[in-house]
Each structure stands twice: as structure tokens, then as C-alpha cells.
Protein backbone atom coordinates (compact mmCIF):
# COMPACT_ATOMS: atom_id res chain seq x y z
CA GLU A 1 -25.70 -70.39 -36.74
CA PRO A 2 -23.51 -70.67 -33.59
CA SER A 3 -20.08 -69.07 -33.71
CA LEU A 4 -17.14 -68.49 -31.42
CA TYR A 5 -16.99 -64.90 -32.67
CA THR A 6 -19.35 -63.60 -30.02
CA VAL A 7 -18.23 -60.01 -29.51
CA LYS A 8 -18.49 -57.49 -32.35
CA ALA A 9 -17.07 -54.54 -30.42
CA ILE A 10 -16.13 -53.31 -26.99
CA PHE A 11 -15.77 -49.67 -26.04
CA ILE A 12 -15.60 -47.28 -23.11
CA LEU A 13 -16.99 -43.75 -23.31
CA ASP A 14 -16.80 -40.82 -20.94
CA SER A 15 -19.83 -38.98 -19.52
CA ASP A 16 -19.97 -36.77 -22.64
CA GLY A 17 -19.98 -39.73 -25.02
CA ASN A 18 -16.35 -39.34 -26.10
CA ARG A 19 -14.32 -42.45 -26.81
CA LEU A 20 -11.76 -43.49 -24.22
CA LEU A 21 -11.08 -47.03 -25.48
CA SER A 22 -12.55 -49.07 -28.31
CA LYS A 23 -11.90 -52.29 -30.18
CA TYR A 24 -14.00 -53.46 -33.12
CA TYR A 25 -13.66 -57.12 -34.03
CA ASP A 26 -15.99 -57.20 -37.06
CA THR A 27 -14.34 -54.95 -39.64
CA GLU A 28 -17.35 -55.17 -41.97
CA LEU A 29 -19.71 -53.82 -39.31
CA TYR A 30 -18.27 -50.29 -39.11
CA PRO A 31 -15.17 -50.14 -41.31
CA SER A 32 -14.29 -46.46 -40.87
CA MET A 33 -13.50 -44.43 -37.78
CA LYS A 34 -16.30 -42.01 -38.68
CA GLU A 35 -18.88 -44.84 -38.76
CA GLN A 36 -17.59 -46.24 -35.48
CA LYS A 37 -17.82 -42.88 -33.71
CA ASN A 38 -21.30 -42.28 -35.15
CA PHE A 39 -22.41 -45.69 -33.84
CA GLU A 40 -20.88 -44.96 -30.43
CA ARG A 41 -22.67 -41.60 -30.30
CA ASN A 42 -26.01 -43.28 -31.15
CA VAL A 43 -25.43 -45.95 -28.49
CA PHE A 44 -24.50 -43.34 -25.89
CA ASN A 45 -27.56 -41.21 -26.69
CA LYS A 46 -29.82 -44.24 -26.29
CA THR A 47 -28.24 -45.61 -23.11
CA SER A 48 -26.88 -42.70 -21.07
CA LYS A 49 -30.22 -41.70 -19.56
CA THR A 50 -31.59 -45.17 -18.78
CA ASP A 51 -31.09 -47.57 -15.89
CA SER A 52 -31.36 -50.78 -17.90
CA GLU A 53 -28.38 -52.96 -18.78
CA ILE A 54 -29.26 -54.01 -22.32
CA ALA A 55 -30.17 -52.24 -25.54
CA PHE A 56 -30.94 -53.24 -29.11
CA LEU A 57 -29.74 -50.87 -31.80
CA GLU A 58 -29.06 -51.26 -35.52
CA GLY A 59 -29.62 -55.02 -35.33
CA LEU A 60 -27.09 -55.46 -32.50
CA THR A 61 -27.33 -56.48 -28.85
CA ILE A 62 -25.55 -54.07 -26.53
CA VAL A 63 -24.94 -54.62 -22.83
CA TYR A 64 -23.62 -51.75 -20.77
CA LYS A 65 -22.73 -50.47 -17.34
CA SER A 66 -21.71 -47.10 -15.96
CA SER A 67 -19.40 -46.05 -13.16
CA ILE A 68 -18.98 -42.48 -11.93
CA ASP A 69 -18.10 -40.76 -15.24
CA ILE A 70 -17.52 -43.62 -17.70
CA PHE A 71 -19.72 -46.08 -19.61
CA PHE A 72 -18.66 -49.63 -20.57
CA TYR A 73 -20.21 -51.32 -23.63
CA VAL A 74 -20.01 -54.81 -25.11
CA VAL A 75 -21.67 -55.33 -28.51
CA GLY A 76 -22.80 -58.61 -30.07
CA SER A 77 -25.09 -59.71 -32.87
CA ALA A 78 -28.88 -59.64 -32.43
CA GLN A 79 -28.93 -63.42 -31.86
CA GLU A 80 -26.16 -63.37 -29.29
CA ASN A 81 -26.81 -64.60 -25.78
CA GLU A 82 -27.09 -61.56 -23.52
CA LEU A 83 -25.74 -63.52 -20.56
CA MET A 84 -22.51 -64.23 -22.44
CA LEU A 85 -22.11 -60.58 -23.32
CA MET A 86 -22.91 -59.60 -19.72
CA ALA A 87 -20.23 -62.02 -18.47
CA VAL A 88 -17.69 -60.24 -20.68
CA LEU A 89 -18.88 -56.84 -19.46
CA ASN A 90 -18.68 -57.85 -15.80
CA CYS A 91 -15.23 -59.37 -16.31
CA LEU A 92 -14.03 -56.17 -17.98
CA PHE A 93 -15.44 -53.97 -15.23
CA ASP A 94 -14.19 -56.14 -12.35
CA SER A 95 -10.72 -56.54 -13.89
CA LEU A 96 -10.36 -52.80 -14.43
CA SER A 97 -11.68 -52.19 -10.94
CA GLN A 98 -8.83 -54.33 -9.58
CA ILE A 99 -6.20 -52.60 -11.71
CA LEU A 100 -7.55 -49.16 -10.83
CA ARG A 101 -7.82 -50.10 -7.15
CA LYS A 102 -11.61 -49.77 -7.08
CA ASN A 103 -11.34 -46.20 -8.45
CA VAL A 104 -13.12 -46.79 -11.78
CA GLU A 105 -13.32 -43.27 -13.17
CA LYS A 106 -12.06 -41.40 -16.24
CA ARG A 107 -8.84 -39.97 -14.79
CA SER A 108 -7.66 -43.31 -13.38
CA LEU A 109 -8.52 -45.10 -16.61
CA LEU A 110 -6.61 -42.58 -18.73
CA ASP A 111 -3.61 -42.86 -16.41
CA ASN A 112 -3.64 -46.67 -16.78
CA MET A 113 -4.66 -47.07 -20.41
CA ASP A 114 -1.89 -49.61 -21.10
CA GLY A 115 -3.35 -51.90 -18.45
CA ALA A 116 -6.88 -51.37 -19.78
CA PHE A 117 -5.86 -52.53 -23.25
CA LEU A 118 -4.10 -55.56 -21.78
CA VAL A 119 -7.26 -56.46 -19.87
CA VAL A 120 -9.37 -56.21 -23.03
CA ASP A 121 -6.86 -58.35 -24.93
CA GLU A 122 -6.93 -61.03 -22.24
CA ILE A 123 -10.74 -61.19 -22.25
CA ILE A 124 -11.38 -61.09 -26.01
CA ASP A 125 -9.26 -62.01 -29.00
CA GLY A 126 -10.64 -61.26 -32.44
CA GLY A 127 -14.20 -61.38 -31.10
CA VAL A 128 -13.71 -64.72 -29.34
CA ILE A 129 -14.22 -64.74 -25.58
CA LEU A 130 -11.07 -66.11 -23.96
CA GLU A 131 -11.74 -65.46 -20.29
CA SER A 132 -14.63 -64.35 -18.10
CA ASP A 133 -13.01 -64.67 -14.68
CA PRO A 134 -11.52 -61.34 -13.55
CA LEU A 135 -9.03 -63.04 -11.21
CA GLN A 136 -7.62 -65.05 -14.11
CA VAL A 137 -7.44 -61.92 -16.26
CA ILE A 138 -5.54 -60.00 -13.58
CA GLN A 139 -3.18 -62.93 -13.11
CA LYS A 140 -2.48 -63.09 -16.88
CA VAL A 141 -2.00 -59.33 -17.12
CA ASN A 142 0.43 -59.45 -14.19
CA PHE A 143 2.38 -62.22 -15.91
CA ARG A 144 2.51 -60.39 -19.25
CA VAL A 145 3.86 -57.14 -17.81
CA ARG A 146 6.07 -58.57 -15.08
CA GLY A 147 9.20 -57.92 -17.12
CA TRP A 148 8.40 -54.26 -17.80
CA GLY A 149 10.27 -53.08 -14.74
CA THR A 150 9.37 -50.22 -12.50
CA GLU A 151 9.40 -47.26 -14.85
CA GLY A 152 6.54 -46.69 -17.28
CA GLY A 153 5.07 -50.12 -16.65
CA LEU A 154 2.06 -51.35 -14.80
CA LEU A 155 3.82 -53.46 -12.22
CA ARG A 156 6.64 -53.18 -9.80
CA CYS A 157 8.09 -56.23 -8.12
CA ILE A 158 7.93 -55.90 -4.39
CA SER A 159 8.82 -58.55 -1.94
CA GLU A 160 8.66 -59.01 1.75
CA GLN A 161 10.49 -62.30 1.44
CA THR A 162 13.28 -61.13 -0.86
CA ALA A 163 15.96 -59.01 0.69
CA PHE A 164 19.05 -57.54 -0.87
CA THR A 165 22.17 -57.81 1.17
CA GLY A 166 25.17 -55.64 0.63
CA VAL A 167 28.59 -57.00 0.21
CA GLU A 168 31.30 -55.03 1.88
CA MET A 169 33.18 -52.94 -0.64
CA ASN A 170 36.49 -54.76 -0.12
CA ASP A 171 35.04 -58.28 0.05
CA THR A 172 35.04 -59.67 -3.51
CA SER A 173 35.06 -63.32 -2.44
CA THR A 174 31.31 -63.42 -1.84
CA ALA A 175 28.47 -63.17 -4.32
CA PRO A 176 28.29 -59.95 -6.35
CA TRP A 177 26.04 -57.11 -5.28
CA PRO A 178 23.08 -57.36 -5.02
CA ARG A 179 22.49 -60.83 -3.66
CA HIS A 180 18.95 -62.22 -3.32
CA VAL A 181 18.04 -63.85 -0.04
CA GLY A 182 14.79 -65.75 0.30
CA GLY A 183 11.76 -66.37 -1.86
CA GLU A 184 10.40 -65.09 -5.13
CA CYS A 185 9.52 -61.58 -6.13
CA LEU A 186 5.85 -60.77 -5.61
CA CYS A 187 4.16 -58.50 -8.10
CA GLN A 188 1.79 -55.81 -7.02
CA VAL A 189 -0.24 -53.54 -9.28
CA LEU A 190 0.68 -49.91 -8.86
CA MET A 191 -1.25 -46.83 -9.76
CA LEU A 192 0.68 -44.55 -12.07
CA LEU A 193 0.17 -40.98 -10.93
């Protein structure tokens, strides 16, 4: 029977099979952390040495991709369309690639985990696929974190069009410091080091 609840789980593992990020949307599938980690270990053992992009395990369809030292997985039911799951996987990978400035590896991912969770939340909500276009995901993530400011957040507003002009210390008749001149603030994703 067709359902909007396409994705059962999504997770990212390192090259040793350790969990970096995971979200399970079907709580009946693997209700405990121990069961989830056991499933992830089984999936990793089956997929880490192969070059294919799809696996079937425990009655589930799993699509996956690796990059340098991390593995990306999207899990659906056995009847789920593999192309839909692959679209989610590609969107996840491409979105994270943009956020991590094409440096999709463990260290960068760990340094930008807040952005990774935002990306996942923009792609999938409760197992329902919301977006499969990485450009739209990045745009939504930028919008959601725009107000975080420059410290501890993912974005910093930078503008070539906006300039701050100083008001002379003794001139209180003009606009208060700082005064914006020009267009809107442009947001640019920054790597947190």
C-alpha cells in the first residue's frame, strides 16, 4: 500500500562503522539504541567492502554512498522505490557537500554537525520526503540559521553592498552608529574550525 512515509531511517557512519549521525523515523523498527547500533553494524559489514549502491537486509531496502572516510545510508521498506531513496541520498550528500565546501569527510562533518542535522531535517520529516533538490535545502538551511549571528552558528552575514558608516563622535544629529548604506545582507556558509 502506497504511503508518504518513505524513509525508515537515515544514518552516517565513519570508516570503522561508528555512528556519526542517525535518525530513525519508524520507532517500531528498532526501538532501542542497542538494536539500532546492531542494525547499523550489520549494514556496515555488508556494504563497506562493495561497490554497489543498494543492499537488501532484514526486509529493508538500503541505498548508500561513501566519501573519503564516511558512509551515507538511507533506509526504506522492501517495497520502496529505490530511485526515491537514491534521490534522498543524493540530496543529502550534495547538500552536505555544499555546507562542507566540497570537503565531505569525518572531521568536517563533526565540526559542522549542527548544519548536518538541519540538512537532514529539511530533507525528511517523520519519514516523509520534503525536498530532494540540494539547492532548495541549502537555501532553507540558510534561512533557518540566518538569525544565529556570527558566533557558534553556521552562517555569518557578509555583504559587499552593505557598508557601515561611522558617525563622528560629536555629531548626534545624524543616524545612530552604525548606519546601513546600500542593499541587503548576503549570507555565506562558513566553515567552523
